[in-house]
Amino acid sequence: MSMFSQIPAETIDTIAEMREAGIPLKAIALATGVHYRTCQYHAGRLGAIAPNPARAPQRYAVAIRSGRVVRPFTDAEDQRITAWSIAGVPLIEMGRRLGRKHNSVLMRLRTLARREALQEANHG
């Protein structure tokens, strides 16, 4: 599949279903013909995560990806963006306040929502 081609909604649904069934992303990429990172993005965007209740959310140190420094979000930043999101602050403004790109804030909000959903599912 071309890097710029539109992925059909049915394929995205299949990616999410396979991920929720616990199938590794590499196997999903092979089965659907969609790039691994694209599968990872759509599964995360939809909140489709592999079942593994024993795995706790991890905190990562500063990392280098594609030659760029990637900073982890702090607990204080998580609390701020959650409060701002509830208050209706636009993503671009949240990013400006934190000195981060708005897309980073969006993906962090999605991660926090997935973690909250997992906690609710595991604790009834």
PDB file of N, CA and C in Angstrom:
ATOM      1  N   MET A   1       0.858  -1.174   0.000  1.00  0.00           N
ATOM      2  CA  MET A   1       0.000   0.000   0.000  1.00  0.00           C
ATOM      3  C   MET A   1       0.901   1.233   0.000  1.00  0.00           C
ATOM      4  N   SER A   2       0.590   2.175  -0.844  1.00  0.00           N
ATOM      5  CA  SER A   2       1.385   3.389  -0.959  1.00  0.00           C
ATOM      6  C   SER A   2       1.338   4.190   0.335  1.00  0.00           C
ATOM      7  N   MET A   3       2.428   4.908   0.595  1.00  0.00           N
ATOM      8  CA  MET A   3       2.518   5.700   1.812  1.00  0.00           C
ATOM      9  C   MET A   3       1.416   6.757   1.877  1.00  0.00           C
ATOM     10  N   PHE A   4       0.969   7.255   0.716  1.00  0.00           N
ATOM     11  CA  PHE A   4       0.002   8.339   0.699  1.00  0.00           C
ATOM     12  C   PHE A   4      -1.406   7.885   0.329  1.00  0.00           C
ATOM     13  N   SER A   5      -1.623   6.586   0.177  1.00  0.00           N
ATOM     14  CA  SER A   5      -2.961   6.128  -0.185  1.00  0.00           C
ATOM     15  C   SER A   5      -3.885   6.159   1.029  1.00  0.00           C
ATOM     16  N   GLN A   6      -5.143   6.307   0.751  1.00  0.00           N
ATOM     17  CA  GLN A   6      -6.160   6.346   1.800  1.00  0.00           C
ATOM     18  C   GLN A   6      -6.421   4.918   2.272  1.00  0.00           C
ATOM     19  N   ILE A   7      -6.400   4.699   3.568  1.00  0.00           N
ATOM     20  CA  ILE A   7      -6.669   3.370   4.118  1.00  0.00           C
ATOM     21  C   ILE A   7      -8.170   3.244   4.308  1.00  0.00           C
ATOM     22  N   PRO A   8      -8.778   2.198   3.746  1.00  0.00           N
ATOM     23  CA  PRO A   8     -10.232   2.020   3.900  1.00  0.00           C
ATOM     24  C   PRO A   8     -10.623   1.857   5.375  1.00  0.00           C
ATOM     25  N   ALA A   9     -11.788   2.343   5.713  1.00  0.00           N
ATOM     26  CA  ALA A   9     -12.282   2.266   7.094  1.00  0.00           C
ATOM     27  C   ALA A   9     -12.358   0.816   7.571  1.00  0.00           C
ATOM     28  N   GLU A  10     -12.692  -0.093   6.661  1.00  0.00           N
ATOM     29  CA  GLU A  10     -12.783  -1.510   7.030  1.00  0.00           C
ATOM     30  C   GLU A  10     -11.416  -2.042   7.462  1.00  0.00           C
ATOM     31  N   THR A  11     -10.369  -1.591   6.792  1.00  0.00           N
ATOM     32  CA  THR A  11      -9.016  -2.028   7.144  1.00  0.00           C
ATOM     33  C   THR A  11      -8.621  -1.474   8.504  1.00  0.00           C
ATOM     34  N   ILE A  12      -8.971  -0.237   8.767  1.00  0.00           N
ATOM     35  CA  ILE A  12      -8.667   0.362  10.072  1.00  0.00           C
ATOM     36  C   ILE A  12      -9.418  -0.383  11.175  1.00  0.00           C
ATOM     37  N   ASP A  13     -10.667  -0.753  10.913  1.00  0.00           N
ATOM     38  CA  ASP A  13     -11.431  -1.538  11.883  1.00  0.00           C
ATOM     39  C   ASP A  13     -10.772  -2.893  12.124  1.00  0.00           C
ATOM     40  N   THR A  14     -10.275  -3.512  11.049  1.00  0.00           N
ATOM     41  CA  THR A  14      -9.591  -4.799  11.167  1.00  0.00           C
ATOM     42  C   THR A  14      -8.334  -4.662  12.013  1.00  0.00           C
ATOM     43  N   ILE A  15      -7.577  -3.592  11.796  1.00  0.00           N
ATOM     44  CA  ILE A  15      -6.374  -3.340  12.592  1.00  0.00           C
ATOM     45  C   ILE A  15      -6.740  -3.260  14.076  1.00  0.00           C
ATOM     46  N   ALA A  16      -7.790  -2.501  14.402  1.00  0.00           N
ATOM     47  CA  ALA A  16      -8.213  -2.343  15.795  1.00  0.00           C
ATOM     48  C   ALA A  16      -8.670  -3.681  16.389  1.00  0.00           C
ATOM     49  N   GLU A  17      -9.445  -4.437  15.637  1.00  0.00           N
ATOM     50  CA  GLU A  17      -9.938  -5.728  16.137  1.00  0.00           C
ATOM     51  C   GLU A  17      -8.797  -6.704  16.375  1.00  0.00           C
ATOM     52  N   MET A  18      -7.847  -6.739  15.442  1.00  0.00           N
ATOM     53  CA  MET A  18      -6.711  -7.647  15.598  1.00  0.00           C
ATOM     54  C   MET A  18      -5.860  -7.256  16.801  1.00  0.00           C
ATOM     55  N   ARG A  19      -5.665  -5.950  16.993  1.00  0.00           N
ATOM     56  CA  ARG A  19      -4.853  -5.482  18.120  1.00  0.00           C
ATOM     57  C   ARG A  19      -5.520  -5.817  19.437  1.00  0.00           C
ATOM     58  N   GLU A  20      -6.840  -5.612  19.523  1.00  0.00           N
ATOM     59  CA  GLU A  20      -7.577  -5.939  20.748  1.00  0.00           C
ATOM     60  C   GLU A  20      -7.585  -7.436  21.026  1.00  0.00           C
ATOM     61  N   ALA A  21      -7.410  -8.238  19.968  1.00  0.00           N
ATOM     62  CA  ALA A  21      -7.335  -9.691  20.132  1.00  0.00           C
ATOM     63  C   ALA A  21      -5.945 -10.136  20.594  1.00  0.00           C
ATOM     64  N   GLY A  22      -5.013  -9.181  20.680  1.00  0.00           N
ATOM     65  CA  GLY A  22      -3.682  -9.499  21.171  1.00  0.00           C
ATOM     66  C   GLY A  22      -2.675  -9.834  20.087  1.00  0.00           C
ATOM     67  N   ILE A  23      -3.029  -9.622  18.839  1.00  0.00           N
ATOM     68  CA  ILE A  23      -2.122  -9.920  17.733  1.00  0.00           C
ATOM     69  C   ILE A  23      -1.047  -8.838  17.667  1.00  0.00           C
ATOM     70  N   PRO A  24       0.222  -9.242  17.541  1.00  0.00           N
ATOM     71  CA  PRO A  24       1.308  -8.253  17.479  1.00  0.00           C
ATOM     72  C   PRO A  24       1.184  -7.331  16.263  1.00  0.00           C
ATOM     73  N   LEU A  25       1.656  -6.114  16.417  1.00  0.00           N
ATOM     74  CA  LEU A  25       1.556  -5.126  15.344  1.00  0.00           C
ATOM     75  C   LEU A  25       2.257  -5.569  14.068  1.00  0.00           C
ATOM     76  N   LYS A  26       3.388  -6.254  14.193  1.00  0.00           N
ATOM     77  CA  LYS A  26       4.092  -6.723  12.995  1.00  0.00           C
ATOM     78  C   LYS A  26       3.236  -7.702  12.208  1.00  0.00           C
ATOM     79  N   ALA A  27       2.539  -8.583  12.906  1.00  0.00           N
ATOM     80  CA  ALA A  27       1.658  -9.549  12.238  1.00  0.00           C
ATOM     81  C   ALA A  27       0.461  -8.839  11.601  1.00  0.00           C
ATOM     82  N   ILE A  28      -0.048  -7.814  12.271  1.00  0.00           N
ATOM     83  CA  ILE A  28      -1.163  -7.033  11.714  1.00  0.00           C
ATOM     84  C   ILE A  28      -0.711  -6.333  10.441  1.00  0.00           C
ATOM     85  N   ALA A  29       0.477  -5.765  10.461  1.00  0.00           N
ATOM     86  CA  ALA A  29       1.006  -5.077   9.285  1.00  0.00           C
ATOM     87  C   ALA A  29       1.136  -6.043   8.109  1.00  0.00           C
ATOM     88  N   LEU A  30       1.649  -7.229   8.371  1.00  0.00           N
ATOM     89  CA  LEU A  30       1.774  -8.221   7.300  1.00  0.00           C
ATOM     90  C   LEU A  30       0.416  -8.657   6.761  1.00  0.00           C
ATOM     91  N   ALA A  31      -0.535  -8.857   7.652  1.00  0.00           N
ATOM     92  CA  ALA A  31      -1.855  -9.340   7.248  1.00  0.00           C
ATOM     93  C   ALA A  31      -2.659  -8.303   6.469  1.00  0.00           C
ATOM     94  N   THR A  32      -2.488  -7.031   6.831  1.00  0.00           N
ATOM     95  CA  THR A  32      -3.297  -5.985   6.198  1.00  0.00           C
ATOM     96  C   THR A  32      -2.582  -5.265   5.065  1.00  0.00           C
ATOM     97  N   GLY A  33      -1.253  -5.407   5.002  1.00  0.00           N
ATOM     98  CA  GLY A  33      -0.498  -4.690   3.986  1.00  0.00           C
ATOM     99  C   GLY A  33      -0.303  -3.218   4.320  1.00  0.00           C
ATOM    100  N   VAL A  34      -0.546  -2.869   5.563  1.00  0.00           N
ATOM    101  CA  VAL A  34      -0.394  -1.487   6.032  1.00  0.00           C
ATOM    102  C   VAL A  34       0.905  -1.410   6.827  1.00  0.00           C
ATOM    103  N   HIS A  35       1.653  -0.335   6.669  1.00  0.00           N
ATOM    104  CA  HIS A  35       2.931  -0.174   7.363  1.00  0.00           C
ATOM    105  C   HIS A  35       2.753  -0.319   8.869  1.00  0.00           C
ATOM    106  N   TYR A  36       3.758  -0.915   9.508  1.00  0.00           N
ATOM    107  CA  TYR A  36       3.745  -1.152  10.953  1.00  0.00           C
ATOM    108  C   TYR A  36       3.398   0.096  11.746  1.00  0.00           C
ATOM    109  N   ARG A  37       4.082   1.213  11.458  1.00  0.00           N
ATOM    110  CA  ARG A  37       3.861   2.452  12.213  1.00  0.00           C
ATOM    111  C   ARG A  37       2.448   2.996  11.985  1.00  0.00           C
ATOM    112  N   THR A  38       1.910   2.786  10.791  1.00  0.00           N
ATOM    113  CA  THR A  38       0.544   3.232  10.506  1.00  0.00           C
ATOM    114  C   THR A  38      -0.448   2.398  11.299  1.00  0.00           C
ATOM    115  N   CYS A  39      -0.189   1.090  11.385  1.00  0.00           N
ATOM    116  CA  CYS A  39      -1.038   0.225  12.217  1.00  0.00           C
ATOM    117  C   CYS A  39      -0.968   0.665  13.675  1.00  0.00           C
ATOM    118  N   GLN A  40       0.238   0.961  14.131  1.00  0.00           N
ATOM    119  CA  GLN A  40       0.425   1.406  15.505  1.00  0.00           C
ATOM    120  C   GLN A  40      -0.344   2.702  15.761  1.00  0.00           C
ATOM    121  N   TYR A  41      -0.271   3.633  14.823  1.00  0.00           N
ATOM    122  CA  TYR A  41      -0.971   4.910  14.970  1.00  0.00           C
ATOM    123  C   TYR A  41      -2.479   4.707  15.061  1.00  0.00           C
ATOM    124  N   HIS A  42      -3.049   3.959  14.111  1.00  0.00           N
ATOM    125  CA  HIS A  42      -4.511   3.804  14.091  1.00  0.00           C
ATOM    126  C   HIS A  42      -5.014   3.003  15.292  1.00  0.00           C
ATOM    127  N   ALA A  43      -4.260   1.997  15.719  1.00  0.00           N
ATOM    128  CA  ALA A  43      -4.666   1.238  16.903  1.00  0.00           C
ATOM    129  C   ALA A  43      -4.673   2.160  18.130  1.00  0.00           C
ATOM    130  N   GLY A  44      -3.640   2.974  18.261  1.00  0.00           N
ATOM    131  CA  GLY A  44      -3.575   3.911  19.389  1.00  0.00           C
ATOM    132  C   GLY A  44      -4.639   4.976  19.313  1.00  0.00           C
ATOM    133  N   ARG A  45      -4.884   5.483  18.105  1.00  0.00           N
ATOM    134  CA  ARG A  45      -5.888   6.536  17.909  1.00  0.00           C
ATOM    135  C   ARG A  45      -7.272   6.043  18.314  1.00  0.00           C
ATOM    136  N   LEU A  46      -7.538   4.759  18.066  1.00  0.00           N
ATOM    137  CA  LEU A  46      -8.843   4.191  18.380  1.00  0.00           C
ATOM    138  C   LEU A  46      -8.905   3.592  19.785  1.00  0.00           C
ATOM    139  N   GLY A  47      -7.783   3.622  20.491  1.00  0.00           N
ATOM    140  CA  GLY A  47      -7.759   3.056  21.841  1.00  0.00           C
ATOM    141  C   GLY A  47      -7.724   1.551  21.847  1.00  0.00           C
ATOM    142  N   ALA A  48      -7.338   0.947  20.734  1.00  0.00           N
ATOM    143  CA  ALA A  48      -7.268  -0.515  20.635  1.00  0.00           C
ATOM    144  C   ALA A  48      -5.895  -0.964  21.115  1.00  0.00           C
ATOM    145  N   ILE A  49      -5.863  -1.572  22.279  1.00  0.00           N
ATOM    146  CA  ILE A  49      -4.601  -2.035  22.826  1.00  0.00           C
ATOM    147  C   ILE A  49      -4.696  -3.523  23.103  1.00  0.00           C
ATOM    148  N   ALA A  50      -3.561  -4.179  23.050  1.00  0.00           N
ATOM    149  CA  ALA A  50      -3.529  -5.614  23.300  1.00  0.00           C
ATOM    150  C   ALA A  50      -3.824  -5.880  24.768  1.00  0.00           C
ATOM    151  N   PRO A  51      -4.580  -6.934  25.049  1.00  0.00           N
ATOM    152  CA  PRO A  51      -4.881  -7.242  26.444  1.00  0.00           C
ATOM    153  C   PRO A  51      -3.624  -7.728  27.162  1.00  0.00           C
ATOM    154  N   ASN A  52      -3.262  -7.043  28.221  1.00  0.00           N
ATOM    155  CA  ASN A  52      -2.125  -7.423  29.042  1.00  0.00           C
ATOM    156  C   ASN A  52      -2.242  -6.665  30.363  1.00  0.00           C
ATOM    157  N   PRO A  53      -3.173  -7.086  31.223  1.00  0.00           N
ATOM    158  CA  PRO A  53      -3.418  -6.331  32.448  1.00  0.00           C
ATOM    159  C   PRO A  53      -2.236  -6.297  33.408  1.00  0.00           C
ATOM    160  N   ALA A  54      -1.273  -7.210  33.252  1.00  0.00           N
ATOM    161  CA  ALA A  54      -0.138  -7.235  34.164  1.00  0.00           C
ATOM    162  C   ALA A  54       0.855  -6.121  33.857  1.00  0.00           C
ATOM    163  N   ARG A  55       0.775  -5.563  32.660  1.00  0.00           N
ATOM    164  CA  ARG A  55       1.735  -4.540  32.268  1.00  0.00           C
ATOM    165  C   ARG A  55       1.275  -3.169  32.752  1.00  0.00           C
ATOM    166  N   ALA A  56       2.091  -2.515  33.519  1.00  0.00           N
ATOM    167  CA  ALA A  56       1.777  -1.185  34.036  1.00  0.00           C
ATOM    168  C   ALA A  56       2.268  -0.129  33.060  1.00  0.00           C
ATOM    169  N   PRO A  57       1.629   1.024  33.022  1.00  0.00           N
ATOM    170  CA  PRO A  57       2.131   2.102  32.165  1.00  0.00           C
ATOM    171  C   PRO A  57       3.573   2.431  32.539  1.00  0.00           C
ATOM    172  N   GLN A  58       4.394   2.660  31.520  1.00  0.00           N
ATOM    173  CA  GLN A  58       5.801   2.924  31.754  1.00  0.00           C
ATOM    174  C   GLN A  58       6.115   4.386  31.550  1.00  0.00           C
ATOM    175  N   ARG A  59       7.092   4.852  32.284  1.00  0.00           N
ATOM    176  CA  ARG A  59       7.622   6.196  32.106  1.00  0.00           C
ATOM    177  C   ARG A  59       8.968   6.043  31.419  1.00  0.00           C
ATOM    178  N   TYR A  60       9.168   6.791  30.383  1.00  0.00           N
ATOM    179  CA  TYR A  60      10.415   6.705  29.641  1.00  0.00           C
ATOM    180  C   TYR A  60      11.261   7.942  29.892  1.00  0.00           C
ATOM    181  N   ALA A  61      12.568   7.732  29.850  1.00  0.00           N
ATOM    182  CA  ALA A  61      13.501   8.845  29.973  1.00  0.00           C
ATOM    183  C   ALA A  61      13.540   9.581  28.638  1.00  0.00           C
ATOM    184  N   VAL A  62      14.241  10.683  28.612  1.00  0.00           N
ATOM    185  CA  VAL A  62      14.421  11.425  27.369  1.00  0.00           C
ATOM    186  C   VAL A  62      15.019  10.472  26.345  1.00  0.00           C
ATOM    187  N   ALA A  63      14.488  10.490  25.129  1.00  0.00           N
ATOM    188  CA  ALA A  63      14.944   9.596  24.071  1.00  0.00           C
ATOM    189  C   ALA A  63      15.237  10.397  22.818  1.00  0.00           C
ATOM    190  N   ILE A  64      15.925   9.778  21.894  1.00  0.00           N
ATOM    191  CA  ILE A  64      16.204  10.386  20.600  1.00  0.00           C
ATOM    192  C   ILE A  64      15.466   9.562  19.545  1.00  0.00           C
ATOM    193  N   ARG A  65      14.602  10.213  18.773  1.00  0.00           N
ATOM    194  CA  ARG A  65      13.890   9.559  17.670  1.00  0.00           C
ATOM    195  C   ARG A  65      14.101  10.385  16.423  1.00  0.00           C
ATOM    196  N   SER A  66      14.600   9.753  15.395  1.00  0.00           N
ATOM    197  CA  SER A  66      14.852  10.435  14.119  1.00  0.00           C
ATOM    198  C   SER A  66      15.691  11.693  14.317  1.00  0.00           C
ATOM    199  N   GLY A  67      16.657  11.606  15.224  1.00  0.00           N
ATOM    200  CA  GLY A  67      17.548  12.725  15.462  1.00  0.00           C
ATOM    201  C   GLY A  67      16.968  13.845  16.300  1.00  0.00           C
ATOM    202  N   ARG A  68      15.764  13.644  16.839  1.00  0.00           N
ATOM    203  CA  ARG A  68      15.115  14.684  17.653  1.00  0.00           C
ATOM    204  C   ARG A  68      14.973  14.191  19.089  1.00  0.00           C
ATOM    205  N   VAL A  69      15.133  15.102  20.025  1.00  0.00           N
ATOM    206  CA  VAL A  69      14.966  14.775  21.444  1.00  0.00           C
ATOM    207  C   VAL A  69      13.474  14.685  21.748  1.00  0.00           C
ATOM    208  N   VAL A  70      13.079  13.604  22.392  1.00  0.00           N
ATOM    209  CA  VAL A  70      11.686  13.392  22.769  1.00  0.00           C
ATOM    210  C   VAL A  70      11.614  13.409  24.287  1.00  0.00           C
ATOM    211  N   ARG A  71      10.856  14.367  24.835  1.00  0.00           N
ATOM    212  CA  ARG A  71      10.711  14.490  26.284  1.00  0.00           C
ATOM    213  C   ARG A  71       9.443  13.791  26.746  1.00  0.00           C
ATOM    214  N   PRO A  72       9.524  13.012  27.810  1.00  0.00           N
ATOM    215  CA  PRO A  72       8.297  12.417  28.346  1.00  0.00           C
ATOM    216  C   PRO A  72       7.453  13.497  29.026  1.00  0.00           C
ATOM    217  N   PHE A  73       6.158  13.274  29.086  1.00  0.00           N
ATOM    218  CA  PHE A  73       5.277  14.184  29.809  1.00  0.00           C
ATOM    219  C   PHE A  73       5.416  13.915  31.306  1.00  0.00           C
ATOM    220  N   THR A  74       5.422  14.974  32.085  1.00  0.00           N
ATOM    221  CA  THR A  74       5.491  14.833  33.541  1.00  0.00           C
ATOM    222  C   THR A  74       4.077  14.669  34.090  1.00  0.00           C
ATOM    223  N   ASP A  75       3.996  14.247  35.342  1.00  0.00           N
ATOM    224  CA  ASP A  75       2.684  14.129  35.982  1.00  0.00           C
ATOM    225  C   ASP A  75       1.984  15.491  36.046  1.00  0.00           C
ATOM    226  N   ALA A  76       2.756  16.542  36.310  1.00  0.00           N
ATOM    227  CA  ALA A  76       2.180  17.891  36.379  1.00  0.00           C
ATOM    228  C   ALA A  76       1.613  18.298  35.011  1.00  0.00           C
ATOM    229  N   GLU A  77       2.338  17.995  33.937  1.00  0.00           N
ATOM    230  CA  GLU A  77       1.834  18.310  32.591  1.00  0.00           C
ATOM    231  C   GLU A  77       0.568  17.516  32.287  1.00  0.00           C
ATOM    232  N   ASP A  78       0.558  16.231  32.693  1.00  0.00           N
ATOM    233  CA  ASP A  78      -0.636  15.407  32.489  1.00  0.00           C
ATOM    234  C   ASP A  78      -1.851  16.029  33.178  1.00  0.00           C
ATOM    235  N   GLN A  79      -1.652  16.490  34.409  1.00  0.00           N
ATOM    236  CA  GLN A  79      -2.758  17.109  35.148  1.00  0.00           C
ATOM    237  C   GLN A  79      -3.220  18.397  34.464  1.00  0.00           C
ATOM    238  N   ARG A  80      -2.259  19.186  33.993  1.00  0.00           N
ATOM    239  CA  ARG A  80      -2.620  20.437  33.324  1.00  0.00           C
ATOM    240  C   ARG A  80      -3.411  20.192  32.048  1.00  0.00           C
ATOM    241  N   ILE A  81      -2.902  19.297  31.187  1.00  0.00           N
ATOM    242  CA  ILE A  81      -3.604  19.108  29.904  1.00  0.00           C
ATOM    243  C   ILE A  81      -4.963  18.459  30.104  1.00  0.00           C
ATOM    244  N   THR A  82      -5.089  17.632  31.130  1.00  0.00           N
ATOM    245  CA  THR A  82      -6.398  17.047  31.427  1.00  0.00           C
ATOM    246  C   THR A  82      -7.375  18.143  31.857  1.00  0.00           C
ATOM    247  N   ALA A  83      -6.934  19.004  32.739  1.00  0.00           N
ATOM    248  CA  ALA A  83      -7.793  20.110  33.202  1.00  0.00           C
ATOM    249  C   ALA A  83      -8.118  21.055  32.050  1.00  0.00           C
ATOM    250  N   TRP A  84      -7.128  21.378  31.232  1.00  0.00           N
ATOM    251  CA  TRP A  84      -7.363  22.267  30.098  1.00  0.00           C
ATOM    252  C   TRP A  84      -8.326  21.653  29.094  1.00  0.00           C
ATOM    253  N   SER A  85      -8.197  20.352  28.886  1.00  0.00           N
ATOM    254  CA  SER A  85      -9.093  19.676  27.953  1.00  0.00           C
ATOM    255  C   SER A  85     -10.540  19.754  28.436  1.00  0.00           C
ATOM    256  N   ILE A  86     -10.732  19.525  29.719  1.00  0.00           N
ATOM    257  CA  ILE A  86     -12.075  19.618  30.310  1.00  0.00           C
ATOM    258  C   ILE A  86     -12.615  21.039  30.188  1.00  0.00           C
ATOM    259  N   ALA A  87     -11.708  22.015  30.343  1.00  0.00           N
ATOM    260  CA  ALA A  87     -12.109  23.424  30.254  1.00  0.00           C
ATOM    261  C   ALA A  87     -12.301  23.897  28.812  1.00  0.00           C
ATOM    262  N   GLY A  88     -11.949  23.058  27.848  1.00  0.00           N
ATOM    263  CA  GLY A  88     -12.147  23.416  26.445  1.00  0.00           C
ATOM    264  C   GLY A  88     -11.033  24.241  25.819  1.00  0.00           C
ATOM    265  N   VAL A  89      -9.853  24.217  26.425  1.00  0.00           N
ATOM    266  CA  VAL A  89      -8.713  24.950  25.857  1.00  0.00           C
ATOM    267  C   VAL A  89      -8.286  24.244  24.571  1.00  0.00           C
ATOM    268  N   PRO A  90      -8.106  24.983  23.467  1.00  0.00           N
ATOM    269  CA  PRO A  90      -7.698  24.367  22.201  1.00  0.00           C
ATOM    270  C   PRO A  90      -6.318  23.705  22.303  1.00  0.00           C
ATOM    271  N   LEU A  91      -6.110  22.648  21.517  1.00  0.00           N
ATOM    272  CA  LEU A  91      -4.840  21.922  21.530  1.00  0.00           C
ATOM    273  C   LEU A  91      -3.651  22.831  21.219  1.00  0.00           C
ATOM    274  N   ILE A  92      -3.816  23.730  20.272  1.00  0.00           N
ATOM    275  CA  ILE A  92      -2.720  24.623  19.899  1.00  0.00           C
ATOM    276  C   ILE A  92      -2.322  25.489  21.090  1.00  0.00           C
ATOM    277  N   GLU A  93      -3.287  25.944  21.845  1.00  0.00           N
ATOM    278  CA  GLU A  93      -2.998  26.760  23.028  1.00  0.00           C
ATOM    279  C   GLU A  93      -2.329  25.914  24.113  1.00  0.00           C
ATOM    280  N   MET A  94      -2.795  24.679  24.309  1.00  0.00           N
ATOM    281  CA  MET A  94      -2.156  23.803  25.293  1.00  0.00           C
ATOM    282  C   MET A  94      -0.693  23.588  24.926  1.00  0.00           C
ATOM    283  N   GLY A  95      -0.455  23.312  23.654  1.00  0.00           N
ATOM    284  CA  GLY A  95       0.916  23.107  23.199  1.00  0.00           C
ATOM    285  C   GLY A  95       1.779  24.334  23.420  1.00  0.00           C
ATOM    286  N   ARG A  96       1.231  25.506  23.127  1.00  0.00           N
ATOM    287  CA  ARG A  96       1.969  26.752  23.323  1.00  0.00           C
ATOM    288  C   ARG A  96       2.335  26.931  24.795  1.00  0.00           C
ATOM    289  N   ARG A  97       1.378  26.673  25.678  1.00  0.00           N
ATOM    290  CA  ARG A  97       1.618  26.836  27.112  1.00  0.00           C
ATOM    291  C   ARG A  97       2.696  25.889  27.632  1.00  0.00           C
ATOM    292  N   LEU A  98       2.767  24.695  27.038  1.00  0.00           N
ATOM    293  CA  LEU A  98       3.725  23.695  27.500  1.00  0.00           C
ATOM    294  C   LEU A  98       5.042  23.712  26.726  1.00  0.00           C
ATOM    295  N   GLY A  99       5.080  24.457  25.627  1.00  0.00           N
ATOM    296  CA  GLY A  99       6.271  24.441  24.784  1.00  0.00           C
ATOM    297  C   GLY A  99       6.397  23.146  24.010  1.00  0.00           C
ATOM    298  N   ARG A 100       5.237  22.608  23.591  1.00  0.00           N
ATOM    299  CA  ARG A 100       5.188  21.345  22.843  1.00  0.00           C
ATOM    300  C   ARG A 100       4.297  21.526  21.624  1.00  0.00           C
ATOM    301  N   LYS A 101       4.413  20.600  20.687  1.00  0.00           N
ATOM    302  CA  LYS A 101       3.556  20.635  19.509  1.00  0.00           C
ATOM    303  C   LYS A 101       2.153  20.174  19.891  1.00  0.00           C
ATOM    304  N   HIS A 102       1.151  20.733  19.217  1.00  0.00           N
ATOM    305  CA  HIS A 102      -0.235  20.375  19.544  1.00  0.00           C
ATOM    306  C   HIS A 102      -0.512  18.902  19.298  1.00  0.00           C
ATOM    307  N   ASN A 103       0.161  18.309  18.312  1.00  0.00           N
ATOM    308  CA  ASN A 103      -0.054  16.891  18.033  1.00  0.00           C
ATOM    309  C   ASN A 103       0.466  16.024  19.181  1.00  0.00           C
ATOM    310  N   SER A 104       1.546  16.449  19.818  1.00  0.00           N
ATOM    311  CA  SER A 104       2.060  15.725  20.990  1.00  0.00           C
ATOM    312  C   SER A 104       1.037  15.761  22.122  1.00  0.00           C
ATOM    313  N   VAL A 105       0.412  16.904  22.301  1.00  0.00           N
ATOM    314  CA  VAL A 105      -0.613  17.038  23.343  1.00  0.00           C
ATOM    315  C   VAL A 105      -1.806  16.139  23.016  1.00  0.00           C
ATOM    316  N   LEU A 106      -2.219  16.128  21.759  1.00  0.00           N
ATOM    317  CA  LEU A 106      -3.340  15.275  21.344  1.00  0.00           C
ATOM    318  C   LEU A 106      -3.049  13.805  21.626  1.00  0.00           C
ATOM    319  N   MET A 107      -1.864  13.353  21.234  1.00  0.00           N
ATOM    320  CA  MET A 107      -1.524  11.945  21.445  1.00  0.00           C
ATOM    321  C   MET A 107      -1.412  11.626  22.936  1.00  0.00           C
ATOM    322  N   ARG A 108      -0.942  12.580  23.735  1.00  0.00           N
ATOM    323  CA  ARG A 108      -0.853  12.349  25.177  1.00  0.00           C
ATOM    324  C   ARG A 108      -2.243  12.248  25.796  1.00  0.00           C
ATOM    325  N   LEU A 109      -3.167  13.089  25.356  1.00  0.00           N
ATOM    326  CA  LEU A 109      -4.538  12.998  25.849  1.00  0.00           C
ATOM    327  C   LEU A 109      -5.150  11.641  25.514  1.00  0.00           C
ATOM    328  N   ARG A 110      -4.864  11.145  24.315  1.00  0.00           N
ATOM    329  CA  ARG A 110      -5.368   9.817  23.931  1.00  0.00           C
ATOM    330  C   ARG A 110      -4.759   8.727  24.797  1.00  0.00           C
ATOM    331  N   THR A 111      -3.473   8.844  25.100  1.00  0.00           N
ATOM    332  CA  THR A 111      -2.808   7.866  25.961  1.00  0.00           C
ATOM    333  C   THR A 111      -3.419   7.889  27.355  1.00  0.00           C
ATOM    334  N   LEU A 112      -3.638   9.073  27.891  1.00  0.00           N
ATOM    335  CA  LEU A 112      -4.245   9.184  29.214  1.00  0.00           C
ATOM    336  C   LEU A 112      -5.649   8.602  29.239  1.00  0.00           C
ATOM    337  N   ALA A 113      -6.404   8.809  28.172  1.00  0.00           N
ATOM    338  CA  ALA A 113      -7.761   8.253  28.088  1.00  0.00           C
ATOM    339  C   ALA A 113      -7.723   6.725  28.043  1.00  0.00           C
ATOM    340  N   ARG A 114      -6.761   6.164  27.290  1.00  0.00           N
ATOM    341  CA  ARG A 114      -6.627   4.699  27.238  1.00  0.00           C
ATOM    342  C   ARG A 114      -6.282   4.147  28.612  1.00  0.00           C
ATOM    343  N   ARG A 115      -5.365   4.810  29.299  1.00  0.00           N
ATOM    344  CA  ARG A 115      -4.980   4.348  30.639  1.00  0.00           C
ATOM    345  C   ARG A 115      -6.151   4.396  31.606  1.00  0.00           C
ATOM    346  N   GLU A 116      -6.933   5.455  31.523  1.00  0.00           N
ATOM    347  CA  GLU A 116      -8.106   5.571  32.389  1.00  0.00           C
ATOM    348  C   GLU A 116      -9.121   4.479  32.079  1.00  0.00           C
ATOM    349  N   ALA A 117      -9.336   4.201  30.812  1.00  0.00           N
ATOM    350  CA  ALA A 117     -10.268   3.138  30.426  1.00  0.00           C
ATOM    351  C   ALA A 117      -9.779   1.777  30.923  1.00  0.00           C
ATOM    352  N   LEU A 118      -8.477   1.539  30.856  1.00  0.00           N
ATOM    353  CA  LEU A 118      -7.929   0.278  31.358  1.00  0.00           C
ATOM    354  C   LEU A 118      -8.137   0.149  32.855  1.00  0.00           C
ATOM    355  N   GLN A 119      -7.898   1.229  33.579  1.00  0.00           N
ATOM    356  CA  GLN A 119      -8.094   1.198  35.036  1.00  0.00           C
ATOM    357  C   GLN A 119      -9.543   0.895  35.381  1.00  0.00           C
ATOM    358  N   GLU A 120     -10.469   1.531  34.667  1.00  0.00           N
ATOM    359  CA  GLU A 120     -11.885   1.293  34.913  1.00  0.00           C
ATOM    360  C   GLU A 120     -12.258  -0.150  34.591  1.00  0.00           C
ATOM    361  N   ALA A 121     -11.705  -0.680  33.520  1.00  0.00           N
ATOM    362  CA  ALA A 121     -12.014  -2.064  33.119  1.00  0.00           C
ATOM    363  C   ALA A 121     -11.448  -3.056  34.129  1.00  0.00           C
ATOM    364  N   ASN A 122     -10.269  -2.767  34.658  1.00  0.00           N
ATOM    365  CA  ASN A 122      -9.626  -3.697  35.594  1.00  0.00           C
ATOM    366  C   ASN A 122     -10.175  -3.590  37.009  1.00  0.00           C
ATOM    367  N   HIS A 123     -10.786  -2.450  37.360  1.00  0.00           N
ATOM    368  CA  HIS A 123     -11.282  -2.261  38.715  1.00  0.00           C
ATOM    369  C   HIS A 123     -12.792  -2.156  38.783  1.00  0.00           C
ATOM    370  N   GLY A 124     -13.431  -2.653  37.764  1.00  0.00           N
ATOM    371  CA  GLY A 124     -14.874  -2.786  37.786  1.00  0.00           C
ATOM    372  C   GLY A 124     -15.639  -1.633  37.452  1.00  0.00           C
TER     373      GLY A 124
END
